[in-house]
Amino acid sequence: MKSMDTTQLLELLDANEDLYIIDVREDDEVAQGMIPGAQHIALGTIPERLEELNATKPYIIVCKAGGRSANACSYLEAQGFDVTNLEGGMLAYDGELEFK
């Protein structure tokens, strides 16, 4: 499984790269702030929302600490998606936040 740390992610965000970030945390966690531009798909809803994802795009998967996102990466990889786990998750992320 591919992974990156938050420093690498912040460098990509600063470079205005086109990133496809999926936040797999629960609604109450996401309410505390998300990485700007991230799409919220709670871990338990991924199988029923697969059609919202594009298999030709690389996704960065994030959760609170990195465990749930690793589970999501394993599942999505098995479905043929190109995914990268954000190590340390939102606990390690100290960049801008977006509130929805």
N, C-alpha and C. Protein backbone atom coordinates (compact mmCIF):
# COMPACT_ATOMS: atom_id res chain seq x y z
N MET A 1 0.85 -1.19 0.00
CA MET A 1 0.00 0.00 0.00
C MET A 1 0.89 1.25 0.00
N LYS A 2 0.56 2.18 -0.86
CA LYS A 2 1.31 3.44 -0.92
C LYS A 2 0.88 4.34 0.24
N SER A 3 1.82 5.13 0.72
CA SER A 3 1.47 6.09 1.76
C SER A 3 2.31 7.36 1.57
N MET A 4 1.84 8.43 2.19
CA MET A 4 2.59 9.68 2.21
C MET A 4 2.37 10.31 3.57
N ASP A 5 3.28 11.22 3.92
CA ASP A 5 3.07 11.92 5.19
C ASP A 5 2.47 13.29 4.92
N THR A 6 2.12 13.97 5.99
CA THR A 6 1.41 15.24 5.82
C THR A 6 2.31 16.32 5.20
N THR A 7 3.63 16.22 5.42
CA THR A 7 4.55 17.19 4.80
C THR A 7 4.47 17.08 3.28
N GLN A 8 4.46 15.84 2.77
CA GLN A 8 4.35 15.63 1.32
C GLN A 8 3.01 16.16 0.81
N LEU A 9 1.95 15.92 1.56
CA LEU A 9 0.63 16.39 1.15
C LEU A 9 0.60 17.92 1.10
N LEU A 10 1.14 18.57 2.13
CA LEU A 10 1.14 20.04 2.15
C LEU A 10 1.94 20.61 0.98
N GLU A 11 3.04 19.94 0.60
CA GLU A 11 3.82 20.40 -0.56
C GLU A 11 2.98 20.32 -1.83
N LEU A 12 2.21 19.24 -1.98
CA LEU A 12 1.34 19.10 -3.16
C LEU A 12 0.24 20.16 -3.15
N LEU A 13 -0.34 20.40 -1.97
CA LEU A 13 -1.39 21.42 -1.86
C LEU A 13 -0.83 22.80 -2.20
N ASP A 14 0.36 23.10 -1.68
CA ASP A 14 1.00 24.40 -1.94
C ASP A 14 1.30 24.59 -3.42
N ALA A 15 1.59 23.49 -4.11
CA ALA A 15 1.91 23.55 -5.54
C ALA A 15 0.64 23.59 -6.40
N ASN A 16 -0.52 23.64 -5.74
CA ASN A 16 -1.81 23.66 -6.43
C ASN A 16 -1.99 22.47 -7.37
N GLU A 17 -1.47 21.33 -6.95
CA GLU A 17 -1.67 20.10 -7.72
C GLU A 17 -3.16 19.73 -7.67
N ASP A 18 -3.62 19.06 -8.72
CA ASP A 18 -4.99 18.53 -8.70
C ASP A 18 -4.98 17.29 -7.83
N LEU A 19 -5.55 17.40 -6.66
CA LEU A 19 -5.56 16.26 -5.74
C LEU A 19 -6.98 15.76 -5.53
N TYR A 20 -7.09 14.47 -5.37
CA TYR A 20 -8.39 13.85 -5.11
C TYR A 20 -8.28 13.21 -3.73
N ILE A 21 -8.79 13.93 -2.74
CA ILE A 21 -8.67 13.51 -1.34
C ILE A 21 -10.03 13.03 -0.84
N ILE A 22 -10.03 11.87 -0.22
CA ILE A 22 -11.26 11.34 0.36
C ILE A 22 -11.07 11.23 1.87
N ASP A 23 -11.96 11.86 2.60
CA ASP A 23 -11.93 11.84 4.07
C ASP A 23 -12.95 10.79 4.51
N VAL A 24 -12.46 9.74 5.17
CA VAL A 24 -13.33 8.62 5.54
C VAL A 24 -13.80 8.69 7.00
N ARG A 25 -13.60 9.84 7.66
CA ARG A 25 -14.05 9.98 9.05
C ARG A 25 -15.57 10.10 9.11
N GLU A 26 -16.09 10.03 10.32
CA GLU A 26 -17.53 10.16 10.53
C GLU A 26 -17.95 11.63 10.48
N ASP A 27 -19.25 11.87 10.34
CA ASP A 27 -19.79 13.22 10.20
C ASP A 27 -19.33 14.17 11.31
N ASP A 28 -19.38 13.70 12.56
CA ASP A 28 -19.02 14.58 13.67
C ASP A 28 -17.54 14.96 13.65
N GLU A 29 -16.69 14.07 13.12
CA GLU A 29 -15.26 14.37 13.02
C GLU A 29 -15.01 15.38 11.89
N VAL A 30 -15.68 15.18 10.78
CA VAL A 30 -15.53 16.07 9.62
C VAL A 30 -15.99 17.49 9.96
N ALA A 31 -16.97 17.60 10.85
CA ALA A 31 -17.48 18.91 11.25
C ALA A 31 -16.40 19.76 11.92
N GLN A 32 -15.35 19.12 12.42
CA GLN A 32 -14.24 19.83 13.06
C GLN A 32 -13.22 20.34 12.06
N GLY A 33 -13.47 20.12 10.77
CA GLY A 33 -12.60 20.63 9.73
C GLY A 33 -12.04 19.53 8.85
N MET A 34 -11.93 19.85 7.55
CA MET A 34 -11.41 18.92 6.56
C MET A 34 -10.29 19.59 5.78
N ILE A 35 -9.50 18.79 5.10
CA ILE A 35 -8.51 19.33 4.18
C ILE A 35 -9.28 19.98 3.04
N PRO A 36 -8.93 21.24 2.67
CA PRO A 36 -9.69 21.92 1.59
C PRO A 36 -9.75 21.07 0.32
N GLY A 37 -10.96 20.97 -0.22
CA GLY A 37 -11.18 20.21 -1.45
C GLY A 37 -11.43 18.74 -1.25
N ALA A 38 -11.31 18.26 -0.02
CA ALA A 38 -11.53 16.83 0.23
C ALA A 38 -13.00 16.48 0.07
N GLN A 39 -13.24 15.25 -0.33
CA GLN A 39 -14.60 14.73 -0.46
C GLN A 39 -14.85 13.84 0.75
N HIS A 40 -16.00 13.99 1.38
CA HIS A 40 -16.31 13.17 2.56
C HIS A 40 -17.10 11.94 2.15
N ILE A 41 -16.51 10.78 2.39
CA ILE A 41 -17.21 9.50 2.21
C ILE A 41 -16.85 8.68 3.44
N ALA A 42 -17.76 8.59 4.40
CA ALA A 42 -17.48 7.84 5.63
C ALA A 42 -17.10 6.40 5.29
N LEU A 43 -16.16 5.85 6.06
CA LEU A 43 -15.62 4.52 5.78
C LEU A 43 -16.71 3.48 5.52
N GLY A 44 -17.73 3.45 6.37
CA GLY A 44 -18.77 2.44 6.23
C GLY A 44 -19.64 2.57 5.00
N THR A 45 -19.57 3.74 4.31
CA THR A 45 -20.42 3.95 3.13
C THR A 45 -19.66 3.79 1.82
N ILE A 46 -18.36 3.50 1.89
CA ILE A 46 -17.56 3.40 0.66
C ILE A 46 -18.12 2.37 -0.34
N PRO A 47 -18.45 1.13 0.10
CA PRO A 47 -18.93 0.16 -0.91
C PRO A 47 -20.14 0.64 -1.70
N GLU A 48 -21.08 1.32 -1.04
CA GLU A 48 -22.28 1.77 -1.76
C GLU A 48 -22.05 3.07 -2.55
N ARG A 49 -20.92 3.72 -2.33
CA ARG A 49 -20.64 4.98 -3.03
C ARG A 49 -19.50 4.87 -4.04
N LEU A 50 -19.10 3.64 -4.34
CA LEU A 50 -17.99 3.43 -5.28
C LEU A 50 -18.21 4.11 -6.62
N GLU A 51 -19.47 4.17 -7.07
CA GLU A 51 -19.75 4.76 -8.39
C GLU A 51 -19.43 6.25 -8.42
N GLU A 52 -19.25 6.88 -7.25
CA GLU A 52 -18.89 8.30 -7.21
C GLU A 52 -17.40 8.51 -7.49
N LEU A 53 -16.64 7.41 -7.46
CA LEU A 53 -15.19 7.50 -7.66
C LEU A 53 -14.82 7.14 -9.09
N ASN A 54 -13.71 7.70 -9.55
CA ASN A 54 -13.23 7.47 -10.90
C ASN A 54 -11.96 6.63 -10.83
N ALA A 55 -11.99 5.44 -11.39
CA ALA A 55 -10.85 4.52 -11.29
C ALA A 55 -9.60 5.04 -12.00
N THR A 56 -9.72 6.09 -12.81
CA THR A 56 -8.54 6.62 -13.51
C THR A 56 -7.83 7.71 -12.71
N LYS A 57 -8.41 8.09 -11.57
CA LYS A 57 -7.81 9.16 -10.76
C LYS A 57 -7.11 8.57 -9.53
N PRO A 58 -5.97 9.16 -9.15
CA PRO A 58 -5.30 8.71 -7.92
C PRO A 58 -5.93 9.41 -6.71
N TYR A 59 -6.26 8.66 -5.70
CA TYR A 59 -6.90 9.22 -4.51
C TYR A 59 -5.96 9.16 -3.30
N ILE A 60 -6.06 10.19 -2.47
CA ILE A 60 -5.38 10.21 -1.18
C ILE A 60 -6.47 10.01 -0.13
N ILE A 61 -6.30 9.01 0.72
CA ILE A 61 -7.33 8.67 1.70
C ILE A 61 -6.87 9.13 3.08
N VAL A 62 -7.77 9.83 3.79
CA VAL A 62 -7.42 10.38 5.11
C VAL A 62 -8.49 10.05 6.14
N CYS A 63 -8.03 9.82 7.38
CA CYS A 63 -8.95 9.67 8.52
C CYS A 63 -8.33 10.43 9.69
N LYS A 64 -8.67 10.07 10.90
CA LYS A 64 -8.14 10.81 12.06
C LYS A 64 -6.67 10.51 12.30
N ALA A 65 -6.29 9.22 12.30
CA ALA A 65 -4.92 8.86 12.65
C ALA A 65 -4.20 7.99 11.62
N GLY A 66 -4.93 7.46 10.64
CA GLY A 66 -4.30 6.64 9.60
C GLY A 66 -4.76 5.20 9.55
N GLY A 67 -5.48 4.74 10.57
CA GLY A 67 -5.92 3.35 10.60
C GLY A 67 -7.10 3.06 9.70
N ARG A 68 -8.16 3.86 9.83
CA ARG A 68 -9.35 3.64 8.99
C ARG A 68 -9.02 3.91 7.52
N SER A 69 -8.17 4.91 7.28
CA SER A 69 -7.82 5.20 5.88
C SER A 69 -7.01 4.04 5.29
N ALA A 70 -6.19 3.39 6.11
CA ALA A 70 -5.46 2.21 5.62
C ALA A 70 -6.44 1.10 5.25
N ASN A 71 -7.48 0.90 6.06
CA ASN A 71 -8.51 -0.08 5.73
C ASN A 71 -9.22 0.29 4.43
N ALA A 72 -9.53 1.58 4.28
CA ALA A 72 -10.19 2.04 3.06
C ALA A 72 -9.28 1.82 1.85
N CYS A 73 -7.99 2.08 2.01
CA CYS A 73 -7.03 1.88 0.92
C CYS A 73 -6.99 0.41 0.50
N SER A 74 -6.95 -0.49 1.47
CA SER A 74 -6.92 -1.93 1.16
C SER A 74 -8.15 -2.32 0.35
N TYR A 75 -9.30 -1.85 0.79
CA TYR A 75 -10.55 -2.17 0.09
C TYR A 75 -10.55 -1.58 -1.32
N LEU A 76 -10.20 -0.29 -1.43
CA LEU A 76 -10.24 0.38 -2.74
C LEU A 76 -9.20 -0.19 -3.69
N GLU A 77 -8.03 -0.56 -3.18
CA GLU A 77 -7.01 -1.20 -4.03
C GLU A 77 -7.55 -2.49 -4.62
N ALA A 78 -8.26 -3.25 -3.79
CA ALA A 78 -8.83 -4.51 -4.25
C ALA A 78 -9.89 -4.29 -5.33
N GLN A 79 -10.48 -3.08 -5.34
CA GLN A 79 -11.49 -2.75 -6.36
C GLN A 79 -10.84 -2.12 -7.60
N GLY A 80 -9.51 -2.02 -7.60
CA GLY A 80 -8.80 -1.51 -8.77
C GLY A 80 -8.47 -0.03 -8.74
N PHE A 81 -8.60 0.61 -7.57
CA PHE A 81 -8.32 2.03 -7.48
C PHE A 81 -6.86 2.29 -7.10
N ASP A 82 -6.35 3.44 -7.54
CA ASP A 82 -5.00 3.90 -7.21
C ASP A 82 -5.12 4.80 -5.98
N VAL A 83 -4.72 4.29 -4.82
CA VAL A 83 -4.92 5.02 -3.57
C VAL A 83 -3.63 5.13 -2.77
N THR A 84 -3.55 6.21 -2.00
CA THR A 84 -2.41 6.47 -1.12
C THR A 84 -2.95 6.82 0.26
N ASN A 85 -2.41 6.18 1.28
CA ASN A 85 -2.85 6.45 2.65
C ASN A 85 -2.07 7.63 3.23
N LEU A 86 -2.79 8.55 3.88
CA LEU A 86 -2.13 9.67 4.57
C LEU A 86 -1.73 9.21 5.97
N GLU A 87 -0.42 9.01 6.18
CA GLU A 87 0.08 8.55 7.48
C GLU A 87 -0.16 9.61 8.55
N GLY A 88 -0.66 9.17 9.69
CA GLY A 88 -0.89 10.09 10.80
C GLY A 88 -2.22 10.82 10.72
N GLY A 89 -2.84 10.78 9.54
CA GLY A 89 -4.16 11.37 9.35
C GLY A 89 -4.27 12.83 9.80
N MET A 90 -5.47 13.21 10.19
CA MET A 90 -5.74 14.60 10.56
C MET A 90 -5.01 15.00 11.85
N LEU A 91 -4.63 14.03 12.67
CA LEU A 91 -3.88 14.37 13.88
C LEU A 91 -2.52 14.95 13.52
N ALA A 92 -1.95 14.52 12.38
CA ALA A 92 -0.64 15.00 11.95
C ALA A 92 -0.73 16.19 11.00
N TYR A 93 -1.91 16.45 10.46
CA TYR A 93 -2.09 17.51 9.46
C TYR A 93 -2.20 18.87 10.14
N ASP A 94 -1.35 19.81 9.75
CA ASP A 94 -1.41 21.13 10.37
C ASP A 94 -1.59 22.24 9.33
N GLY A 95 -2.17 21.86 8.20
CA GLY A 95 -2.44 22.85 7.16
C GLY A 95 -3.81 23.49 7.35
N GLU A 96 -4.24 24.20 6.30
CA GLU A 96 -5.54 24.87 6.33
C GLU A 96 -6.67 23.86 6.51
N LEU A 97 -7.76 24.33 7.08
CA LEU A 97 -8.95 23.49 7.23
C LEU A 97 -10.12 24.17 6.54
N GLU A 98 -11.04 23.35 6.09
CA GLU A 98 -12.26 23.83 5.45
C GLU A 98 -13.40 23.29 6.29
N PHE A 99 -14.40 24.12 6.53
CA PHE A 99 -15.55 23.68 7.33
C PHE A 99 -16.79 23.67 6.46
N LYS A 100 -17.52 22.56 6.51
CA LYS A 100 -18.72 22.45 5.67
C LYS A 100 -19.96 22.48 6.51
